[in-house]
N, C-alpha and C. Protein backbone atom coordinates (compact mmCIF):
# COMPACT_ATOMS: atom_id res chain seq x y z
N UNK A 1 -61.52 14.60 -80.20
CA UNK A 1 -60.29 15.09 -80.80
C UNK A 1 -59.88 16.39 -80.10
N UNK A 2 -58.62 16.47 -79.75
CA UNK A 2 -58.06 17.69 -79.20
C UNK A 2 -57.05 18.27 -80.19
N UNK A 3 -56.85 19.57 -80.07
CA UNK A 3 -55.99 20.28 -81.00
C UNK A 3 -54.86 20.96 -80.24
N UNK A 4 -53.73 21.11 -80.89
CA UNK A 4 -52.59 21.77 -80.28
C UNK A 4 -52.05 22.83 -81.22
N UNK A 5 -51.34 23.77 -80.63
CA UNK A 5 -50.64 24.80 -81.37
C UNK A 5 -49.53 25.29 -80.46
N UNK A 6 -48.65 26.10 -80.98
CA UNK A 6 -47.45 26.49 -80.24
C UNK A 6 -47.27 28.00 -80.21
N UNK A 7 -46.60 28.44 -79.16
CA UNK A 7 -46.25 29.85 -79.00
C UNK A 7 -44.80 29.91 -78.53
N UNK A 8 -44.00 30.68 -79.22
CA UNK A 8 -42.60 30.85 -78.82
C UNK A 8 -42.48 32.09 -77.96
N UNK A 9 -42.44 31.87 -76.65
CA UNK A 9 -42.36 32.98 -75.70
C UNK A 9 -40.88 33.37 -75.51
N UNK A 10 -40.65 34.52 -74.91
CA UNK A 10 -39.27 34.94 -74.63
C UNK A 10 -38.55 34.01 -73.65
N UNK A 11 -39.31 33.17 -72.92
CA UNK A 11 -38.66 32.29 -71.94
C UNK A 11 -38.86 30.81 -72.26
N UNK A 12 -39.35 30.50 -73.44
CA UNK A 12 -39.45 29.10 -73.84
C UNK A 12 -40.70 28.81 -74.65
N UNK A 13 -40.64 27.67 -75.32
CA UNK A 13 -41.76 27.24 -76.17
C UNK A 13 -42.93 26.78 -75.31
N UNK A 14 -44.12 27.21 -75.71
CA UNK A 14 -45.36 26.89 -75.00
C UNK A 14 -46.26 26.10 -75.94
N UNK A 15 -46.84 25.03 -75.43
CA UNK A 15 -47.83 24.26 -76.17
C UNK A 15 -49.21 24.61 -75.62
N UNK A 16 -50.13 24.90 -76.53
CA UNK A 16 -51.51 25.20 -76.18
C UNK A 16 -52.38 24.02 -76.58
N UNK A 17 -53.38 23.69 -75.78
CA UNK A 17 -54.32 22.63 -76.11
C UNK A 17 -55.74 23.16 -76.12
N UNK A 18 -56.56 22.61 -77.00
CA UNK A 18 -57.96 23.05 -77.11
C UNK A 18 -58.86 21.88 -77.47
N UNK A 19 -60.12 22.01 -77.08
CA UNK A 19 -61.15 21.05 -77.50
C UNK A 19 -61.82 21.52 -78.79
N UNK A 20 -61.32 22.59 -79.36
CA UNK A 20 -61.88 23.16 -80.58
C UNK A 20 -62.55 24.50 -80.35
N UNK A 21 -62.99 24.73 -79.11
CA UNK A 21 -63.65 25.99 -78.77
C UNK A 21 -62.96 26.73 -77.63
N UNK A 22 -62.47 25.99 -76.65
CA UNK A 22 -61.90 26.57 -75.44
C UNK A 22 -60.46 26.12 -75.27
N UNK A 23 -59.71 26.90 -74.51
CA UNK A 23 -58.36 26.52 -74.14
C UNK A 23 -58.46 25.52 -72.99
N UNK A 24 -57.83 24.37 -73.14
CA UNK A 24 -57.86 23.35 -72.09
C UNK A 24 -56.48 23.10 -71.49
N UNK A 25 -55.46 23.70 -72.08
CA UNK A 25 -54.11 23.52 -71.55
C UNK A 25 -53.13 24.53 -72.11
N UNK A 26 -52.13 24.84 -71.29
CA UNK A 26 -51.06 25.75 -71.69
C UNK A 26 -49.84 25.34 -70.87
N UNK A 27 -48.85 24.75 -71.56
CA UNK A 27 -47.69 24.19 -70.85
C UNK A 27 -46.39 24.63 -71.49
N UNK A 28 -45.39 24.87 -70.65
CA UNK A 28 -44.02 25.01 -71.14
C UNK A 28 -43.51 23.62 -71.49
N UNK A 29 -42.64 23.54 -72.48
CA UNK A 29 -42.06 22.25 -72.85
C UNK A 29 -41.37 21.64 -71.64
N UNK A 30 -41.49 20.35 -71.52
CA UNK A 30 -40.86 19.57 -70.45
C UNK A 30 -41.42 19.87 -69.05
N UNK A 31 -42.54 20.56 -68.98
CA UNK A 31 -43.14 20.83 -67.67
C UNK A 31 -43.72 19.53 -67.11
N UNK A 32 -43.72 19.46 -65.81
CA UNK A 32 -44.37 18.35 -65.14
C UNK A 32 -45.85 18.39 -65.53
N UNK A 33 -46.44 17.25 -65.76
CA UNK A 33 -47.85 17.13 -66.17
C UNK A 33 -48.12 17.71 -67.55
N UNK A 34 -47.08 17.83 -68.38
CA UNK A 34 -47.23 18.35 -69.74
C UNK A 34 -48.31 17.56 -70.48
N UNK A 35 -49.25 18.26 -71.09
CA UNK A 35 -50.29 17.62 -71.89
C UNK A 35 -51.32 16.84 -71.10
N UNK A 36 -51.42 17.11 -69.81
CA UNK A 36 -52.28 16.31 -68.93
C UNK A 36 -53.75 16.31 -69.31
N UNK A 37 -54.23 17.31 -70.00
CA UNK A 37 -55.65 17.36 -70.35
C UNK A 37 -55.93 16.95 -71.79
N UNK A 38 -54.88 16.57 -72.50
CA UNK A 38 -55.04 16.18 -73.90
C UNK A 38 -55.35 14.69 -74.03
N UNK A 39 -56.17 14.35 -75.01
CA UNK A 39 -56.40 12.96 -75.33
C UNK A 39 -55.21 12.45 -76.13
N UNK A 40 -55.13 11.16 -76.31
CA UNK A 40 -54.00 10.61 -77.05
C UNK A 40 -54.04 11.01 -78.52
N UNK A 41 -55.21 11.37 -79.01
CA UNK A 41 -55.36 11.77 -80.40
C UNK A 41 -55.43 13.30 -80.49
N UNK A 42 -54.35 13.91 -80.99
CA UNK A 42 -54.31 15.35 -81.15
C UNK A 42 -53.90 15.70 -82.58
N UNK A 43 -54.27 16.90 -82.96
CA UNK A 43 -53.94 17.38 -84.30
C UNK A 43 -53.49 18.83 -84.17
N UNK A 44 -52.39 19.17 -84.82
CA UNK A 44 -51.95 20.56 -84.83
C UNK A 44 -52.86 21.34 -85.78
N UNK A 45 -53.38 22.46 -85.28
CA UNK A 45 -54.35 23.21 -86.09
C UNK A 45 -54.37 24.66 -85.64
N UNK A 46 -54.63 25.55 -86.58
CA UNK A 46 -54.87 26.96 -86.25
C UNK A 46 -56.35 27.11 -85.91
N UNK A 47 -56.63 27.64 -84.75
CA UNK A 47 -58.01 27.85 -84.31
C UNK A 47 -58.14 29.26 -83.75
N UNK A 48 -59.34 29.85 -83.79
CA UNK A 48 -59.54 31.17 -83.19
C UNK A 48 -59.09 31.24 -81.72
N UNK A 49 -59.33 30.18 -80.94
CA UNK A 49 -58.93 30.21 -79.52
C UNK A 49 -57.42 30.30 -79.39
N UNK A 50 -56.70 29.68 -80.31
CA UNK A 50 -55.24 29.78 -80.26
C UNK A 50 -54.77 31.18 -80.64
N UNK A 51 -55.41 31.81 -81.61
CA UNK A 51 -55.06 33.18 -81.98
C UNK A 51 -55.33 34.13 -80.82
N UNK A 52 -56.46 33.94 -80.15
CA UNK A 52 -56.80 34.77 -79.00
C UNK A 52 -55.79 34.57 -77.87
N UNK A 53 -55.39 33.32 -77.65
CA UNK A 53 -54.41 33.02 -76.60
C UNK A 53 -53.05 33.61 -76.95
N UNK A 54 -52.64 33.52 -78.21
CA UNK A 54 -51.37 34.12 -78.64
C UNK A 54 -51.40 35.63 -78.44
N UNK A 55 -52.53 36.25 -78.73
CA UNK A 55 -52.69 37.69 -78.51
C UNK A 55 -52.53 38.01 -77.03
N UNK A 56 -53.17 37.21 -76.17
CA UNK A 56 -53.06 37.38 -74.71
C UNK A 56 -51.60 37.27 -74.30
N UNK A 57 -50.92 36.24 -74.78
CA UNK A 57 -49.51 36.02 -74.42
C UNK A 57 -48.62 37.14 -74.95
N UNK A 58 -48.89 37.64 -76.15
CA UNK A 58 -48.12 38.78 -76.68
C UNK A 58 -48.22 39.98 -75.74
N UNK A 59 -49.43 40.27 -75.29
CA UNK A 59 -49.64 41.40 -74.38
C UNK A 59 -48.91 41.14 -73.06
N UNK A 60 -49.07 39.94 -72.53
CA UNK A 60 -48.45 39.58 -71.25
C UNK A 60 -46.93 39.71 -71.32
N UNK A 61 -46.33 39.13 -72.34
CA UNK A 61 -44.87 39.16 -72.43
C UNK A 61 -44.33 40.52 -72.87
N UNK A 62 -45.21 41.42 -73.32
CA UNK A 62 -44.76 42.79 -73.62
C UNK A 62 -44.72 43.63 -72.35
N UNK A 63 -45.13 43.03 -71.24
CA UNK A 63 -45.07 43.73 -69.96
C UNK A 63 -46.36 44.35 -69.51
N UNK A 64 -47.44 44.00 -70.16
CA UNK A 64 -48.75 44.56 -69.77
C UNK A 64 -49.64 43.44 -69.23
N UNK A 65 -50.63 43.85 -68.46
CA UNK A 65 -51.62 42.92 -67.92
C UNK A 65 -52.77 42.86 -68.92
N UNK A 66 -52.97 41.73 -69.60
CA UNK A 66 -54.06 41.65 -70.57
C UNK A 66 -55.41 41.95 -69.91
N UNK A 67 -56.28 42.66 -70.62
CA UNK A 67 -57.58 43.04 -70.06
C UNK A 67 -58.70 42.10 -70.50
N UNK A 68 -58.32 40.92 -70.95
CA UNK A 68 -59.31 39.91 -71.33
C UNK A 68 -58.71 38.54 -71.02
N UNK A 69 -59.56 37.54 -71.01
CA UNK A 69 -59.11 36.16 -70.80
C UNK A 69 -59.71 35.31 -71.90
N UNK A 70 -58.87 34.52 -72.57
CA UNK A 70 -59.43 33.59 -73.56
C UNK A 70 -60.42 32.65 -72.88
N UNK A 71 -61.31 32.07 -73.66
CA UNK A 71 -62.29 31.13 -73.12
C UNK A 71 -61.55 29.88 -72.62
N UNK A 72 -61.74 29.59 -71.34
CA UNK A 72 -61.06 28.47 -70.69
C UNK A 72 -62.05 27.37 -70.35
N UNK A 73 -61.57 26.14 -70.39
CA UNK A 73 -62.39 25.01 -69.94
C UNK A 73 -61.52 24.16 -69.01
N UNK A 74 -61.94 24.10 -67.77
CA UNK A 74 -61.21 23.33 -66.76
C UNK A 74 -62.05 22.16 -66.29
N UNK A 75 -61.39 21.05 -66.07
CA UNK A 75 -62.04 19.89 -65.48
C UNK A 75 -61.14 19.37 -64.38
N UNK A 76 -61.75 19.11 -63.24
CA UNK A 76 -60.98 18.59 -62.11
C UNK A 76 -61.91 18.34 -60.94
N UNK A 77 -61.33 17.84 -59.86
CA UNK A 77 -62.11 17.59 -58.66
C UNK A 77 -62.63 18.91 -58.11
N UNK A 78 -63.59 18.83 -57.22
CA UNK A 78 -64.16 20.02 -56.60
C UNK A 78 -63.06 20.82 -55.89
N UNK A 79 -62.15 20.13 -55.23
CA UNK A 79 -61.05 20.79 -54.53
C UNK A 79 -60.13 21.52 -55.51
N UNK A 80 -59.71 20.83 -56.57
CA UNK A 80 -58.83 21.47 -57.55
C UNK A 80 -59.51 22.67 -58.19
N UNK A 81 -60.78 22.55 -58.52
CA UNK A 81 -61.51 23.67 -59.13
C UNK A 81 -61.54 24.87 -58.17
N UNK A 82 -61.73 24.60 -56.88
CA UNK A 82 -61.75 25.69 -55.89
C UNK A 82 -60.40 26.39 -55.84
N UNK A 83 -59.32 25.61 -55.85
CA UNK A 83 -57.98 26.20 -55.83
C UNK A 83 -57.74 27.00 -57.12
N UNK A 84 -58.07 26.42 -58.27
CA UNK A 84 -57.84 27.10 -59.55
C UNK A 84 -58.64 28.40 -59.65
N UNK A 85 -59.85 28.41 -59.08
CA UNK A 85 -60.65 29.64 -59.09
C UNK A 85 -59.99 30.73 -58.25
N UNK A 86 -59.36 30.34 -57.14
CA UNK A 86 -58.63 31.32 -56.32
C UNK A 86 -57.41 31.83 -57.09
N UNK A 87 -56.73 30.94 -57.81
CA UNK A 87 -55.57 31.37 -58.60
C UNK A 87 -55.96 32.46 -59.59
N UNK A 88 -57.13 32.33 -60.20
CA UNK A 88 -57.59 33.30 -61.20
C UNK A 88 -57.77 34.69 -60.59
N UNK A 89 -57.94 34.77 -59.27
CA UNK A 89 -58.18 36.05 -58.60
C UNK A 89 -56.91 36.76 -58.15
N UNK A 90 -55.74 36.11 -58.27
CA UNK A 90 -54.49 36.73 -57.82
C UNK A 90 -54.14 37.86 -58.78
N UNK A 91 -54.05 39.08 -58.28
CA UNK A 91 -53.76 40.21 -59.17
C UNK A 91 -52.37 40.13 -59.81
N UNK A 92 -52.28 40.66 -60.99
CA UNK A 92 -51.02 40.78 -61.73
C UNK A 92 -49.97 41.44 -60.84
N UNK A 93 -48.78 40.84 -60.79
CA UNK A 93 -47.68 41.42 -60.03
C UNK A 93 -47.74 41.16 -58.54
N UNK A 94 -48.71 40.38 -58.07
CA UNK A 94 -48.82 40.08 -56.65
C UNK A 94 -48.71 38.58 -56.42
N UNK A 95 -48.46 38.20 -55.19
CA UNK A 95 -48.34 36.78 -54.85
C UNK A 95 -49.25 36.44 -53.67
N UNK A 96 -49.44 35.15 -53.48
CA UNK A 96 -50.22 34.62 -52.37
C UNK A 96 -49.51 33.34 -51.92
N UNK A 97 -49.68 32.96 -50.68
CA UNK A 97 -49.04 31.74 -50.21
C UNK A 97 -50.01 30.55 -50.31
N UNK A 98 -49.43 29.37 -50.28
CA UNK A 98 -50.25 28.15 -50.29
C UNK A 98 -51.17 28.13 -49.07
N UNK A 99 -50.65 28.57 -47.92
CA UNK A 99 -51.45 28.62 -46.70
C UNK A 99 -52.62 29.60 -46.81
N UNK A 100 -52.39 30.73 -47.46
CA UNK A 100 -53.47 31.71 -47.64
C UNK A 100 -54.58 31.13 -48.53
N UNK A 101 -54.18 30.36 -49.53
CA UNK A 101 -55.19 29.71 -50.38
C UNK A 101 -56.00 28.72 -49.55
N UNK A 102 -55.32 27.94 -48.71
CA UNK A 102 -56.03 26.97 -47.86
C UNK A 102 -57.05 27.69 -46.98
N UNK A 103 -56.68 28.84 -46.42
CA UNK A 103 -57.61 29.62 -45.58
C UNK A 103 -58.79 30.13 -46.40
N UNK A 104 -58.54 30.57 -47.63
CA UNK A 104 -59.62 31.07 -48.48
C UNK A 104 -60.63 29.98 -48.80
N UNK A 105 -60.17 28.76 -48.89
CA UNK A 105 -61.09 27.65 -49.17
C UNK A 105 -62.02 27.45 -47.98
N UNK A 106 -61.54 27.83 -46.80
CA UNK A 106 -62.44 27.93 -45.67
C UNK A 106 -62.55 26.71 -44.76
N UNK A 107 -61.60 25.85 -44.79
CA UNK A 107 -61.63 24.75 -43.83
C UNK A 107 -60.24 24.57 -43.26
N UNK A 108 -60.18 24.29 -41.99
CA UNK A 108 -58.88 24.15 -41.32
C UNK A 108 -58.24 22.80 -41.61
N UNK A 109 -58.97 21.92 -42.26
CA UNK A 109 -58.45 20.57 -42.52
C UNK A 109 -57.60 20.47 -43.79
N UNK A 110 -57.50 21.57 -44.54
CA UNK A 110 -56.73 21.54 -45.78
C UNK A 110 -55.32 22.04 -45.51
N UNK A 111 -54.35 21.27 -45.91
CA UNK A 111 -52.96 21.65 -45.69
C UNK A 111 -52.43 22.44 -46.87
N UNK A 112 -51.37 23.18 -46.60
CA UNK A 112 -50.69 23.90 -47.68
C UNK A 112 -50.16 22.91 -48.72
N UNK A 113 -49.77 21.71 -48.28
CA UNK A 113 -49.28 20.70 -49.21
C UNK A 113 -50.38 20.23 -50.16
N UNK A 114 -51.60 20.08 -49.66
CA UNK A 114 -52.72 19.68 -50.52
C UNK A 114 -52.99 20.78 -51.55
N UNK A 115 -52.91 22.03 -51.11
CA UNK A 115 -53.09 23.14 -52.03
C UNK A 115 -51.98 23.11 -53.08
N UNK A 116 -50.75 22.83 -52.64
CA UNK A 116 -49.63 22.76 -53.56
C UNK A 116 -49.84 21.72 -54.65
N UNK A 117 -50.43 20.58 -54.27
CA UNK A 117 -50.72 19.54 -55.26
C UNK A 117 -51.71 20.03 -56.30
N UNK A 118 -52.74 20.73 -55.87
CA UNK A 118 -53.75 21.25 -56.80
C UNK A 118 -53.14 22.35 -57.68
N UNK A 119 -52.34 23.22 -57.08
CA UNK A 119 -51.69 24.28 -57.85
C UNK A 119 -50.80 23.67 -58.92
N UNK A 120 -50.04 22.65 -58.54
CA UNK A 120 -49.12 21.99 -59.47
C UNK A 120 -49.80 21.33 -60.65
N UNK A 121 -51.04 20.93 -60.46
CA UNK A 121 -51.80 20.27 -61.54
C UNK A 121 -52.62 21.25 -62.39
N UNK A 122 -52.45 22.55 -62.15
CA UNK A 122 -53.13 23.55 -62.97
C UNK A 122 -52.72 23.34 -64.43
N UNK A 123 -53.68 23.05 -65.31
CA UNK A 123 -53.31 22.76 -66.69
C UNK A 123 -53.13 23.99 -67.59
N UNK A 124 -53.47 25.17 -67.09
CA UNK A 124 -53.40 26.37 -67.94
C UNK A 124 -52.48 27.39 -67.26
N UNK A 125 -51.17 27.15 -67.41
CA UNK A 125 -50.22 28.03 -66.74
C UNK A 125 -50.28 29.45 -67.32
N UNK A 126 -49.74 30.36 -66.58
CA UNK A 126 -49.65 31.79 -66.87
C UNK A 126 -51.03 32.46 -66.82
N UNK A 127 -51.97 32.02 -67.66
CA UNK A 127 -53.31 32.64 -67.68
C UNK A 127 -54.01 32.37 -66.35
N UNK A 128 -53.91 31.16 -65.85
CA UNK A 128 -54.31 30.86 -64.48
C UNK A 128 -52.99 30.86 -63.72
N UNK A 129 -52.70 31.96 -63.02
CA UNK A 129 -51.34 32.27 -62.58
C UNK A 129 -50.81 31.49 -61.37
N UNK A 130 -50.57 30.21 -61.57
CA UNK A 130 -50.01 29.40 -60.49
C UNK A 130 -48.60 29.84 -60.11
N UNK A 131 -47.93 30.56 -61.01
CA UNK A 131 -46.58 31.06 -60.71
C UNK A 131 -46.60 32.13 -59.61
N UNK A 132 -47.77 32.66 -59.30
CA UNK A 132 -47.89 33.71 -58.27
C UNK A 132 -48.06 33.14 -56.87
N UNK A 133 -47.99 31.83 -56.72
CA UNK A 133 -48.13 31.19 -55.41
C UNK A 133 -46.73 30.90 -54.87
N UNK A 134 -46.49 31.37 -53.65
CA UNK A 134 -45.17 31.24 -53.03
C UNK A 134 -45.28 30.57 -51.67
N UNK A 135 -44.12 30.20 -51.12
CA UNK A 135 -44.07 29.63 -49.77
C UNK A 135 -44.41 30.67 -48.72
N UNK A 136 -44.58 30.22 -47.48
CA UNK A 136 -45.06 31.12 -46.43
C UNK A 136 -44.14 32.30 -46.14
N UNK A 137 -42.86 32.18 -46.43
CA UNK A 137 -41.94 33.30 -46.22
C UNK A 137 -41.63 34.03 -47.52
N UNK A 138 -42.45 33.80 -48.54
CA UNK A 138 -42.22 34.42 -49.83
C UNK A 138 -41.22 33.66 -50.68
N UNK A 139 -40.81 32.48 -50.20
CA UNK A 139 -39.84 31.67 -50.95
C UNK A 139 -40.47 31.12 -52.21
N UNK A 140 -39.67 31.03 -53.26
CA UNK A 140 -40.13 30.40 -54.50
C UNK A 140 -40.06 28.89 -54.30
N UNK A 141 -41.22 28.28 -54.29
CA UNK A 141 -41.28 26.84 -54.14
C UNK A 141 -42.21 26.29 -55.20
N UNK A 142 -41.86 25.14 -55.72
CA UNK A 142 -42.72 24.42 -56.64
C UNK A 142 -43.24 25.19 -57.83
N UNK A 143 -42.99 24.66 -58.99
CA UNK A 143 -43.60 25.15 -60.23
C UNK A 143 -43.41 24.06 -61.26
N UNK A 144 -44.49 23.64 -61.88
CA UNK A 144 -44.42 22.51 -62.81
C UNK A 144 -43.47 22.80 -63.98
N UNK A 145 -43.27 24.07 -64.31
CA UNK A 145 -42.35 24.43 -65.38
C UNK A 145 -40.92 24.62 -64.90
N UNK A 146 -40.70 24.54 -63.59
CA UNK A 146 -39.38 24.74 -63.01
C UNK A 146 -39.28 26.11 -62.34
N UNK A 147 -38.48 26.16 -61.29
CA UNK A 147 -38.36 27.41 -60.53
C UNK A 147 -37.75 28.55 -61.34
N UNK A 148 -36.88 28.24 -62.29
CA UNK A 148 -36.30 29.28 -63.13
C UNK A 148 -37.38 30.01 -63.92
N UNK A 149 -38.32 29.25 -64.51
CA UNK A 149 -39.43 29.88 -65.25
C UNK A 149 -40.33 30.68 -64.32
N UNK A 150 -40.60 30.13 -63.14
CA UNK A 150 -41.43 30.85 -62.16
C UNK A 150 -40.81 32.20 -61.83
N UNK A 151 -39.51 32.19 -61.57
CA UNK A 151 -38.80 33.43 -61.24
C UNK A 151 -38.87 34.41 -62.41
N UNK A 152 -38.69 33.93 -63.63
CA UNK A 152 -38.75 34.83 -64.79
C UNK A 152 -40.13 35.44 -64.96
N UNK A 153 -41.18 34.66 -64.74
CA UNK A 153 -42.54 35.19 -64.85
C UNK A 153 -42.80 36.24 -63.77
N UNK A 154 -42.41 35.95 -62.54
CA UNK A 154 -42.61 36.92 -61.46
C UNK A 154 -41.77 38.18 -61.66
N UNK A 155 -40.53 38.01 -62.10
CA UNK A 155 -39.68 39.17 -62.37
C UNK A 155 -40.29 40.05 -63.46
N UNK A 156 -40.81 39.42 -64.51
CA UNK A 156 -41.45 40.17 -65.60
C UNK A 156 -42.63 40.99 -65.06
N UNK A 157 -43.46 40.37 -64.26
CA UNK A 157 -44.62 41.07 -63.70
C UNK A 157 -44.21 42.16 -62.72
N UNK A 158 -43.27 41.85 -61.84
CA UNK A 158 -42.88 42.84 -60.83
C UNK A 158 -42.18 44.04 -61.47
N UNK A 159 -41.34 43.79 -62.43
CA UNK A 159 -40.65 44.87 -63.14
C UNK A 159 -41.67 45.77 -63.83
N UNK A 160 -42.66 45.16 -64.45
CA UNK A 160 -43.64 45.94 -65.22
C UNK A 160 -44.74 46.52 -64.34
N UNK A 161 -45.06 45.89 -63.23
CA UNK A 161 -46.08 46.44 -62.33
C UNK A 161 -45.61 47.77 -61.75
N UNK A 162 -44.29 47.88 -61.54
CA UNK A 162 -43.74 49.12 -61.00
C UNK A 162 -43.81 50.23 -62.04
N UNK A 163 -43.63 49.87 -63.31
CA UNK A 163 -43.61 50.88 -64.37
C UNK A 163 -45.00 51.39 -64.73
N UNK A 164 -46.05 50.64 -64.45
CA UNK A 164 -47.40 51.01 -64.91
C UNK A 164 -48.23 51.60 -63.81
């Protein structure tokens, strides 16, 4: 059984998913791959992990970089896990390119497009900051929630990173 709960952010409704102990998903409504880690049987429920995640999101959307991370549980291929671990290391208010992620993985056989596929399948948006990945010239490319949301998230971070 998986559980869901909701958060109304300043830029749209967010659905959170949990296995009861850990956060397994965080999606904007109508995002590509919405609910990808949820089983067909879900129940809306208040859980401590959802309260912790809402607290994290409150801090984030208030313009601050949260100093904690809710307990996350990720499942994916070895390649996707490697990409998602790199995403977790991108500092607040900064960006990285798909090509730079491919280089960090350490093999010349990985394309920026393959990295893009793994980034796009990140099931825990914002907390695992896939919105901080940009094209090689800094162009905003690809975001499962849509480029408008990606721009709003980056603008929020950049505006606040300058102030702090």
